[in-house]
């Protein structure tokens, strides 16, 4: 079953390879969507794919790379948009 979810991550997470870490794992789990830094210091991740793979990616977001200090992860169900790949977006 396909699943789409938007994830907002709060913590010490910008400037420490966080977006690249998310992209690498999304490609590993065959999840599509995007990741980007927000101006308020959070990171936004849009994930879509098979439910099991998206759930694995949510766990990856909660963990973050080695130097990350994730304080909070909020998720929001979204409509499936049929992304073709996973991108790192820049504001």
PDB file of N, CA and C in Angstrom:
ATOM      1  N   UNK A   1       0.840  -1.190   0.000  1.00  0.00           N
ATOM      2  CA  UNK A   1       0.000   0.000   0.000  1.00  0.00           C
ATOM      3  C   UNK A   1       0.880   1.247   0.000  1.00  0.00           C
ATOM      4  N   UNK A   2       0.498   2.224  -0.799  1.00  0.00           N
ATOM      5  CA  UNK A   2       1.269   3.466  -0.899  1.00  0.00           C
ATOM      6  C   UNK A   2       0.897   4.409   0.247  1.00  0.00           C
ATOM      7  N   UNK A   3       1.869   5.213   0.648  1.00  0.00           N
ATOM      8  CA  UNK A   3       1.680   6.140   1.769  1.00  0.00           C
ATOM      9  C   UNK A   3       2.462   7.413   1.490  1.00  0.00           C
ATOM     10  N   UNK A   4       1.877   8.559   1.835  1.00  0.00           N
ATOM     11  CA  UNK A   4       2.563   9.853   1.743  1.00  0.00           C
ATOM     12  C   UNK A   4       2.479  10.536   3.091  1.00  0.00           C
ATOM     13  N   UNK A   5       3.590  11.094   3.518  1.00  0.00           N
ATOM     14  CA  UNK A   5       3.609  11.768   4.816  1.00  0.00           C
ATOM     15  C   UNK A   5       4.611  12.922   4.769  1.00  0.00           C
ATOM     16  N   UNK A   6       4.252  13.995   5.451  1.00  0.00           N
ATOM     17  CA  UNK A   6       5.146  15.150   5.593  1.00  0.00           C
ATOM     18  C   UNK A   6       5.689  15.107   7.020  1.00  0.00           C
ATOM     19  N   UNK A   7       6.994  15.316   7.150  1.00  0.00           N
ATOM     20  CA  UNK A   7       7.664  15.227   8.442  1.00  0.00           C
ATOM     21  C   UNK A   7       8.358  16.548   8.728  1.00  0.00           C
ATOM     22  N   UNK A   8       8.151  17.074   9.928  1.00  0.00           N
ATOM     23  CA  UNK A   8       8.858  18.278  10.386  1.00  0.00           C
ATOM     24  C   UNK A   8       9.769  17.862  11.537  1.00  0.00           C
ATOM     25  N   UNK A   9      11.050  18.169  11.396  1.00  0.00           N
ATOM     26  CA  UNK A   9      12.042  17.754  12.379  1.00  0.00           C
ATOM     27  C   UNK A   9      12.637  18.995  13.033  1.00  0.00           C
ATOM     28  N   UNK A  10      12.672  18.984  14.359  1.00  0.00           N
ATOM     29  CA  UNK A  10      13.204  20.102  15.142  1.00  0.00           C
ATOM     30  C   UNK A  10      14.414  19.613  15.932  1.00  0.00           C
ATOM     31  N   UNK A  11      15.405  20.480  16.075  1.00  0.00           N
ATOM     32  CA  UNK A  11      16.588  20.151  16.864  1.00  0.00           C
ATOM     33  C   UNK A  11      17.808  20.815  16.271  1.00  0.00           C
ATOM     34  N   UNK A  12      18.979  20.345  16.663  1.00  0.00           N
ATOM     35  CA  UNK A  12      20.243  20.829  16.103  1.00  0.00           C
ATOM     36  C   UNK A  12      20.520  19.968  14.872  1.00  0.00           C
ATOM     37  N   UNK A  13      19.932  20.369  13.733  1.00  0.00           N
ATOM     38  CA  UNK A  13      19.912  19.480  12.575  1.00  0.00           C
ATOM     39  C   UNK A  13      20.343  20.151  11.271  1.00  0.00           C
ATOM     40  N   UNK A  14      20.542  21.452  11.258  1.00  0.00           N
ATOM     41  CA  UNK A  14      20.967  22.102  10.020  1.00  0.00           C
ATOM     42  C   UNK A  14      22.476  22.286  10.032  1.00  0.00           C
ATOM     43  N   UNK A  15      23.079  22.117   8.862  1.00  0.00           N
ATOM     44  CA  UNK A  15      24.519  22.325   8.729  1.00  0.00           C
ATOM     45  C   UNK A  15      25.355  21.145   9.167  1.00  0.00           C
ATOM     46  N   UNK A  16      24.750  19.960   9.302  1.00  0.00           N
ATOM     47  CA  UNK A  16      25.505  18.786   9.760  1.00  0.00           C
ATOM     48  C   UNK A  16      25.254  17.571   8.879  1.00  0.00           C
ATOM     49  N   UNK A  17      25.001  17.807   7.575  1.00  0.00           N
ATOM     50  CA  UNK A  17      24.863  16.696   6.647  1.00  0.00           C
ATOM     51  C   UNK A  17      23.497  16.006   6.789  1.00  0.00           C
ATOM     52  N   UNK A  18      22.533  16.654   7.439  1.00  0.00           N
ATOM     53  CA  UNK A  18      21.232  16.029   7.706  1.00  0.00           C
ATOM     54  C   UNK A  18      20.475  15.725   6.415  1.00  0.00           C
ATOM     55  N   UNK A  19      20.386  16.702   5.516  1.00  0.00           N
ATOM     56  CA  UNK A  19      19.620  16.492   4.280  1.00  0.00           C
ATOM     57  C   UNK A  19      20.229  15.386   3.426  1.00  0.00           C
ATOM     58  N   UNK A  20      21.548  15.351   3.311  1.00  0.00           N
ATOM     59  CA  UNK A  20      22.212  14.295   2.539  1.00  0.00           C
ATOM     60  C   UNK A  20      21.971  12.924   3.173  1.00  0.00           C
ATOM     61  N   UNK A  21      21.993  12.881   4.499  1.00  0.00           N
ATOM     62  CA  UNK A  21      21.714  11.647   5.242  1.00  0.00           C
ATOM     63  C   UNK A  21      20.306  11.140   4.929  1.00  0.00           C
ATOM     64  N   UNK A  22      19.341  12.048   4.921  1.00  0.00           N
ATOM     65  CA  UNK A  22      17.956  11.678   4.614  1.00  0.00           C
ATOM     66  C   UNK A  22      17.856  11.186   3.166  1.00  0.00           C
ATOM     67  N   UNK A  23      18.493  11.892   2.235  1.00  0.00           N
ATOM     68  CA  UNK A  23      18.440  11.500   0.822  1.00  0.00           C
ATOM     69  C   UNK A  23      19.042  10.110   0.611  1.00  0.00           C
ATOM     70  N   UNK A  24      20.196   9.842   1.217  1.00  0.00           N
ATOM     71  CA  UNK A  24      20.840   8.536   1.072  1.00  0.00           C
ATOM     72  C   UNK A  24      19.926   7.414   1.557  1.00  0.00           C
ATOM     73  N   UNK A  25      19.291   7.630   2.701  1.00  0.00           N
ATOM     74  CA  UNK A  25      18.407   6.612   3.253  1.00  0.00           C
ATOM     75  C   UNK A  25      17.126   6.470   2.434  1.00  0.00           C
ATOM     76  N   UNK A  26      16.602   7.565   1.920  1.00  0.00           N
ATOM     77  CA  UNK A  26      15.400   7.497   1.074  1.00  0.00           C
ATOM     78  C   UNK A  26      15.690   6.655  -0.168  1.00  0.00           C
ATOM     79  N   UNK A  27      16.855   6.844  -0.751  1.00  0.00           N
ATOM     80  CA  UNK A  27      17.221   6.057  -1.928  1.00  0.00           C
ATOM     81  C   UNK A  27      17.420   4.585  -1.556  1.00  0.00           C
ATOM     82  N   UNK A  28      17.982   4.344  -0.382  1.00  0.00           N
ATOM     83  CA  UNK A  28      18.180   2.974   0.110  1.00  0.00           C
ATOM     84  C   UNK A  28      16.836   2.251   0.265  1.00  0.00           C
ATOM     85  N   UNK A  29      15.833   2.963   0.773  1.00  0.00           N
ATOM     86  CA  UNK A  29      14.515   2.366   1.018  1.00  0.00           C
ATOM     87  C   UNK A  29      13.532   2.588  -0.133  1.00  0.00           C
ATOM     88  N   UNK A  30      14.012   3.149  -1.246  1.00  0.00           N
ATOM     89  CA  UNK A  30      13.179   3.392  -2.428  1.00  0.00           C
ATOM     90  C   UNK A  30      11.976   4.286  -2.111  1.00  0.00           C
ATOM     91  N   UNK A  31      12.224   5.325  -1.322  1.00  0.00           N
ATOM     92  CA  UNK A  31      11.193   6.302  -0.973  1.00  0.00           C
ATOM     93  C   UNK A  31      11.429   7.562  -1.802  1.00  0.00           C
ATOM     94  N   UNK A  32      10.368   8.147  -2.305  1.00  0.00           N
ATOM     95  CA  UNK A  32      10.450   9.344  -3.145  1.00  0.00           C
ATOM     96  C   UNK A  32       9.993  10.561  -2.348  1.00  0.00           C
ATOM     97  N   UNK A  33      10.304  11.768  -2.877  1.00  0.00           N
ATOM     98  CA  UNK A  33       9.876  13.004  -2.225  1.00  0.00           C
ATOM     99  C   UNK A  33      10.985  14.033  -2.195  1.00  0.00           C
ATOM    100  N   UNK A  34      11.084  14.743  -1.066  1.00  0.00           N
ATOM    101  CA  UNK A  34      12.121  15.776  -0.954  1.00  0.00           C
ATOM    102  C   UNK A  34      12.451  16.059   0.503  1.00  0.00           C
ATOM    103  N   UNK A  35      13.573  16.742   0.703  1.00  0.00           N
ATOM    104  CA  UNK A  35      13.981  17.239   2.010  1.00  0.00           C
ATOM    105  C   UNK A  35      14.478  18.666   1.810  1.00  0.00           C
ATOM    106  N   UNK A  36      14.177  19.541   2.764  1.00  0.00           N
ATOM    107  CA  UNK A  36      14.683  20.917   2.685  1.00  0.00           C
ATOM    108  C   UNK A  36      14.748  21.529   4.083  1.00  0.00           C
ATOM    109  N   UNK A  37      15.688  22.464   4.221  1.00  0.00           N
ATOM    110  CA  UNK A  37      15.771  23.264   5.442  1.00  0.00           C
ATOM    111  C   UNK A  37      14.688  24.332   5.388  1.00  0.00           C
ATOM    112  N   UNK A  38      14.098  24.639   6.534  1.00  0.00           N
ATOM    113  CA  UNK A  38      13.140  25.735   6.633  1.00  0.00           C
ATOM    114  C   UNK A  38      13.804  26.916   7.332  1.00  0.00           C
ATOM    115  N   UNK A  39      13.297  28.090   7.064  1.00  0.00           N
ATOM    116  CA  UNK A  39      13.905  29.306   7.628  1.00  0.00           C
ATOM    117  C   UNK A  39      13.833  29.342   9.152  1.00  0.00           C
ATOM    118  N   UNK A  40      12.869  28.626   9.742  1.00  0.00           N
ATOM    119  CA  UNK A  40      12.733  28.639  11.208  1.00  0.00           C
ATOM    120  C   UNK A  40      13.656  27.630  11.900  1.00  0.00           C
ATOM    121  N   UNK A  41      14.544  26.975  11.122  1.00  0.00           N
ATOM    122  CA  UNK A  41      15.518  26.052  11.711  1.00  0.00           C
ATOM    123  C   UNK A  41      15.099  24.592  11.653  1.00  0.00           C
ATOM    124  N   UNK A  42      13.858  24.327  11.280  1.00  0.00           N
ATOM    125  CA  UNK A  42      13.412  22.935  11.149  1.00  0.00           C
ATOM    126  C   UNK A  42      13.821  22.388   9.787  1.00  0.00           C
ATOM    127  N   UNK A  43      13.698  21.075   9.657  1.00  0.00           N
ATOM    128  CA  UNK A  43      13.864  20.413   8.368  1.00  0.00           C
ATOM    129  C   UNK A  43      12.522  19.791   8.012  1.00  0.00           C
ATOM    130  N   UNK A  44      12.111  19.983   6.754  1.00  0.00           N
ATOM    131  CA  UNK A  44      10.871  19.395   6.253  1.00  0.00           C
ATOM    132  C   UNK A  44      11.231  18.256   5.310  1.00  0.00           C
ATOM    133  N   UNK A  45      10.554  17.125   5.478  1.00  0.00           N
ATOM    134  CA  UNK A  45      10.772  15.961   4.629  1.00  0.00           C
ATOM    135  C   UNK A  45       9.415  15.490   4.123  1.00  0.00           C
ATOM    136  N   UNK A  46       9.305  15.298   2.817  1.00  0.00           N
ATOM    137  CA  UNK A  46       8.088  14.722   2.234  1.00  0.00           C
ATOM    138  C   UNK A  46       8.461  13.335   1.752  1.00  0.00           C
ATOM    139  N   UNK A  47       7.771  12.329   2.275  1.00  0.00           N
ATOM    140  CA  UNK A  47       8.090  10.942   1.969  1.00  0.00           C
ATOM    141  C   UNK A  47       6.896  10.254   1.345  1.00  0.00           C
ATOM    142  N   UNK A  48       7.126   9.506   0.275  1.00  0.00           N
ATOM    143  CA  UNK A  48       6.065   8.662  -0.240  1.00  0.00           C
ATOM    144  C   UNK A  48       6.650   7.396  -0.853  1.00  0.00           C
ATOM    145  N   UNK A  49       5.883   6.335  -0.687  1.00  0.00           N
ATOM    146  CA  UNK A  49       6.300   5.028  -1.169  1.00  0.00           C
ATOM    147  C   UNK A  49       5.473   3.965  -0.487  1.00  0.00           C
ATOM    148  N   UNK A  50       5.998   2.748  -0.431  1.00  0.00           N
ATOM    149  CA  UNK A  50       5.314   1.670   0.278  1.00  0.00           C
ATOM    150  C   UNK A  50       5.271   1.995   1.766  1.00  0.00           C
ATOM    151  N   UNK A  51       4.156   1.682   2.415  1.00  0.00           N
ATOM    152  CA  UNK A  51       3.962   2.033   3.833  1.00  0.00           C
ATOM    153  C   UNK A  51       5.131   1.596   4.707  1.00  0.00           C
ATOM    154  N   UNK A  52       5.598   0.373   4.516  1.00  0.00           N
ATOM    155  CA  UNK A  52       6.683  -0.155   5.342  1.00  0.00           C
ATOM    156  C   UNK A  52       7.957   0.672   5.170  1.00  0.00           C
ATOM    157  N   UNK A  53       8.279   1.051   3.926  1.00  0.00           N
ATOM    158  CA  UNK A  53       9.484   1.832   3.657  1.00  0.00           C
ATOM    159  C   UNK A  53       9.367   3.255   4.206  1.00  0.00           C
ATOM    160  N   UNK A  54       8.188   3.860   4.070  1.00  0.00           N
ATOM    161  CA  UNK A  54       7.963   5.203   4.610  1.00  0.00           C
ATOM    162  C   UNK A  54       8.099   5.170   6.128  1.00  0.00           C
ATOM    163  N   UNK A  55       7.563   4.137   6.773  1.00  0.00           N
ATOM    164  CA  UNK A  55       7.686   4.015   8.229  1.00  0.00           C
ATOM    165  C   UNK A  55       9.146   3.878   8.653  1.00  0.00           C
ATOM    166  N   UNK A  56       9.950   3.150   7.872  1.00  0.00           N
ATOM    167  CA  UNK A  56      11.388   3.043   8.165  1.00  0.00           C
ATOM    168  C   UNK A  56      12.047   4.410   8.065  1.00  0.00           C
ATOM    169  N   UNK A  57      11.632   5.199   7.070  1.00  0.00           N
ATOM    170  CA  UNK A  57      12.214   6.532   6.893  1.00  0.00           C
ATOM    171  C   UNK A  57      11.830   7.471   8.042  1.00  0.00           C
ATOM    172  N   UNK A  58      10.634   7.322   8.581  1.00  0.00           N
ATOM    173  CA  UNK A  58      10.245   8.139   9.738  1.00  0.00           C
ATOM    174  C   UNK A  58      11.189   7.837  10.905  1.00  0.00           C
ATOM    175  N   UNK A  59      11.536   6.574  11.084  1.00  0.00           N
ATOM    176  CA  UNK A  59      12.486   6.201  12.144  1.00  0.00           C
ATOM    177  C   UNK A  59      13.865   6.794  11.865  1.00  0.00           C
ATOM    178  N   UNK A  60      14.269   6.814  10.601  1.00  0.00           N
ATOM    179  CA  UNK A  60      15.553   7.429  10.212  1.00  0.00           C
ATOM    180  C   UNK A  60      15.528   8.915  10.571  1.00  0.00           C
ATOM    181  N   UNK A  61      14.401   9.584  10.312  1.00  0.00           N
ATOM    182  CA  UNK A  61      14.266  11.014  10.628  1.00  0.00           C
ATOM    183  C   UNK A  61      14.389  11.255  12.131  1.00  0.00           C
ATOM    184  N   UNK A  62      13.857  10.355  12.929  1.00  0.00           N
ATOM    185  CA  UNK A  62      13.922  10.501  14.390  1.00  0.00           C
ATOM    186  C   UNK A  62      15.341  10.330  14.907  1.00  0.00           C
ATOM    187  N   UNK A  63      16.126   9.537  14.201  1.00  0.00           N
ATOM    188  CA  UNK A  63      17.494   9.265  14.617  1.00  0.00           C
ATOM    189  C   UNK A  63      18.456  10.336  14.103  1.00  0.00           C
ATOM    190  N   UNK A  64      18.409  10.599  12.798  1.00  0.00           N
ATOM    191  CA  UNK A  64      19.326  11.558  12.198  1.00  0.00           C
ATOM    192  C   UNK A  64      20.733  11.008  12.098  1.00  0.00           C
ATOM    193  N   UNK A  65      21.639  11.772  11.464  1.00  0.00           N
ATOM    194  CA  UNK A  65      23.038  11.342  11.377  1.00  0.00           C
ATOM    195  C   UNK A  65      23.731  11.475  12.725  1.00  0.00           C
ATOM    196  N   UNK A  66      24.953  11.041  12.763  1.00  0.00           N
ATOM    197  CA  UNK A  66      25.736  10.963  14.000  1.00  0.00           C
ATOM    198  C   UNK A  66      25.720  12.246  14.841  1.00  0.00           C
ATOM    199  N   UNK A  67      25.895  13.412  14.237  1.00  0.00           N
ATOM    200  CA  UNK A  67      26.007  14.652  15.000  1.00  0.00           C
ATOM    201  C   UNK A  67      24.686  15.386  15.217  1.00  0.00           C
ATOM    202  N   UNK A  68      23.593  14.786  14.788  1.00  0.00           N
ATOM    203  CA  UNK A  68      22.285  15.441  14.933  1.00  0.00           C
ATOM    204  C   UNK A  68      21.765  15.314  16.358  1.00  0.00           C
ATOM    205  N   UNK A  69      21.013  16.330  16.760  1.00  0.00           N
ATOM    206  CA  UNK A  69      20.305  16.290  18.037  1.00  0.00           C
ATOM    207  C   UNK A  69      18.837  16.554  17.734  1.00  0.00           C
ATOM    208  N   UNK A  70      18.113  15.489  17.406  1.00  0.00           N
ATOM    209  CA  UNK A  70      16.703  15.602  17.066  1.00  0.00           C
ATOM    210  C   UNK A  70      15.898  15.736  18.355  1.00  0.00           C
ATOM    211  N   UNK A  71      15.134  16.830  18.465  1.00  0.00           N
ATOM    212  CA  UNK A  71      14.311  17.058  19.653  1.00  0.00           C
ATOM    213  C   UNK A  71      12.858  16.658  19.443  1.00  0.00           C
ATOM    214  N   UNK A  72      12.350  16.865  18.226  1.00  0.00           N
ATOM    215  CA  UNK A  72      10.933  16.591  17.981  1.00  0.00           C
ATOM    216  C   UNK A  72      10.726  16.226  16.514  1.00  0.00           C
ATOM    217  N   UNK A  73       9.821  15.290  16.278  1.00  0.00           N
ATOM    218  CA  UNK A  73       9.443  14.895  14.920  1.00  0.00           C
ATOM    219  C   UNK A  73       7.920  14.875  14.858  1.00  0.00           C
ATOM    220  N   UNK A  74       7.365  15.703  13.971  1.00  0.00           N
ATOM    221  CA  UNK A  74       5.918  15.748  13.777  1.00  0.00           C
ATOM    222  C   UNK A  74       5.604  15.230  12.382  1.00  0.00           C
ATOM    223  N   UNK A  75       4.540  14.441  12.268  1.00  0.00           N
ATOM    224  CA  UNK A  75       4.155  13.890  10.974  1.00  0.00           C
ATOM    225  C   UNK A  75       2.736  14.304  10.630  1.00  0.00           C
ATOM    226  N   UNK A  76       2.480  14.391   9.338  1.00  0.00           N
ATOM    227  CA  UNK A  76       1.163  14.788   8.834  1.00  0.00           C
ATOM    228  C   UNK A  76       0.879  13.980   7.569  1.00  0.00           C
ATOM    229  N   UNK A  77      -0.254  13.289   7.531  1.00  0.00           N
ATOM    230  CA  UNK A  77      -0.641  12.536   6.338  1.00  0.00           C
ATOM    231  C   UNK A  77      -0.844  13.485   5.166  1.00  0.00           C
ATOM    232  N   UNK A  78      -0.462  13.055   3.982  1.00  0.00           N
ATOM    233  CA  UNK A  78      -0.608  13.863   2.771  1.00  0.00           C
ATOM    234  C   UNK A  78      -1.227  13.018   1.664  1.00  0.00           C
ATOM    235  N   UNK A  79      -1.722  13.695   0.610  1.00  0.00           N
ATOM    236  CA  UNK A  79      -2.201  13.001  -0.582  1.00  0.00           C
ATOM    237  C   UNK A  79      -1.004  12.503  -1.374  1.00  0.00           C
ATOM    238  N   UNK A  80      -1.132  11.331  -1.968  1.00  0.00           N
ATOM    239  CA  UNK A  80      -0.062  10.761  -2.776  1.00  0.00           C
ATOM    240  C   UNK A  80       0.153  11.628  -4.012  1.00  0.00           C
ATOM    241  N   UNK A  81       1.401  12.029  -4.266  1.00  0.00           N
ATOM    242  CA  UNK A  81       1.706  12.928  -5.380  1.00  0.00           C
ATOM    243  C   UNK A  81       2.534  12.269  -6.480  1.00  0.00           C
ATOM    244  N   UNK A  82       2.923  11.019  -6.282  1.00  0.00           N
ATOM    245  CA  UNK A  82       3.644  10.249  -7.292  1.00  0.00           C
ATOM    246  C   UNK A  82       4.966  10.890  -7.722  1.00  0.00           C
ATOM    247  N   UNK A  83       5.800  11.243  -6.733  1.00  0.00           N
ATOM    248  CA  UNK A  83       7.145  11.738  -7.026  1.00  0.00           C
ATOM    249  C   UNK A  83       7.927  10.645  -7.743  1.00  0.00           C
ATOM    250  N   UNK A  84       8.825  11.038  -8.622  1.00  0.00           N
ATOM    251  CA  UNK A  84       9.617  10.082  -9.398  1.00  0.00           C
ATOM    252  C   UNK A  84      10.993   9.819  -8.784  1.00  0.00           C
ATOM    253  N   UNK A  85      11.441  10.705  -7.891  1.00  0.00           N
ATOM    254  CA  UNK A  85      12.743  10.525  -7.258  1.00  0.00           C
ATOM    255  C   UNK A  85      12.747  11.264  -5.915  1.00  0.00           C
ATOM    256  N   UNK A  86      13.906  11.314  -5.264  1.00  0.00           N
ATOM    257  CA  UNK A  86      14.044  12.032  -3.999  1.00  0.00           C
ATOM    258  C   UNK A  86      15.048  13.152  -4.205  1.00  0.00           C
ATOM    259  N   UNK A  87      14.666  14.363  -3.839  1.00  0.00           N
ATOM    260  CA  UNK A  87      15.521  15.533  -4.082  1.00  0.00           C
ATOM    261  C   UNK A  87      15.815  16.294  -2.790  1.00  0.00           C
ATOM    262  N   UNK A  88      16.984  16.925  -2.774  1.00  0.00           N
ATOM    263  CA  UNK A  88      17.319  17.897  -1.740  1.00  0.00           C
ATOM    264  C   UNK A  88      16.977  19.263  -2.332  1.00  0.00           C
ATOM    265  N   UNK A  89      16.038  19.951  -1.715  1.00  0.00           N
ATOM    266  CA  UNK A  89      15.632  21.282  -2.197  1.00  0.00           C
ATOM    267  C   UNK A  89      16.348  22.361  -1.404  1.00  0.00           C
ATOM    268  N   UNK A  90      16.602  23.470  -2.061  1.00  0.00           N
ATOM    269  CA  UNK A  90      17.253  24.612  -1.408  1.00  0.00           C
ATOM    270  C   UNK A  90      16.314  25.800  -1.489  1.00  0.00           C
ATOM    271  N   UNK A  91      16.178  26.520  -0.369  1.00  0.00           N
ATOM    272  CA  UNK A  91      15.272  27.676  -0.374  1.00  0.00           C
ATOM    273  C   UNK A  91      16.012  28.872  -0.927  1.00  0.00           C
TER     274      UNK A  91
END
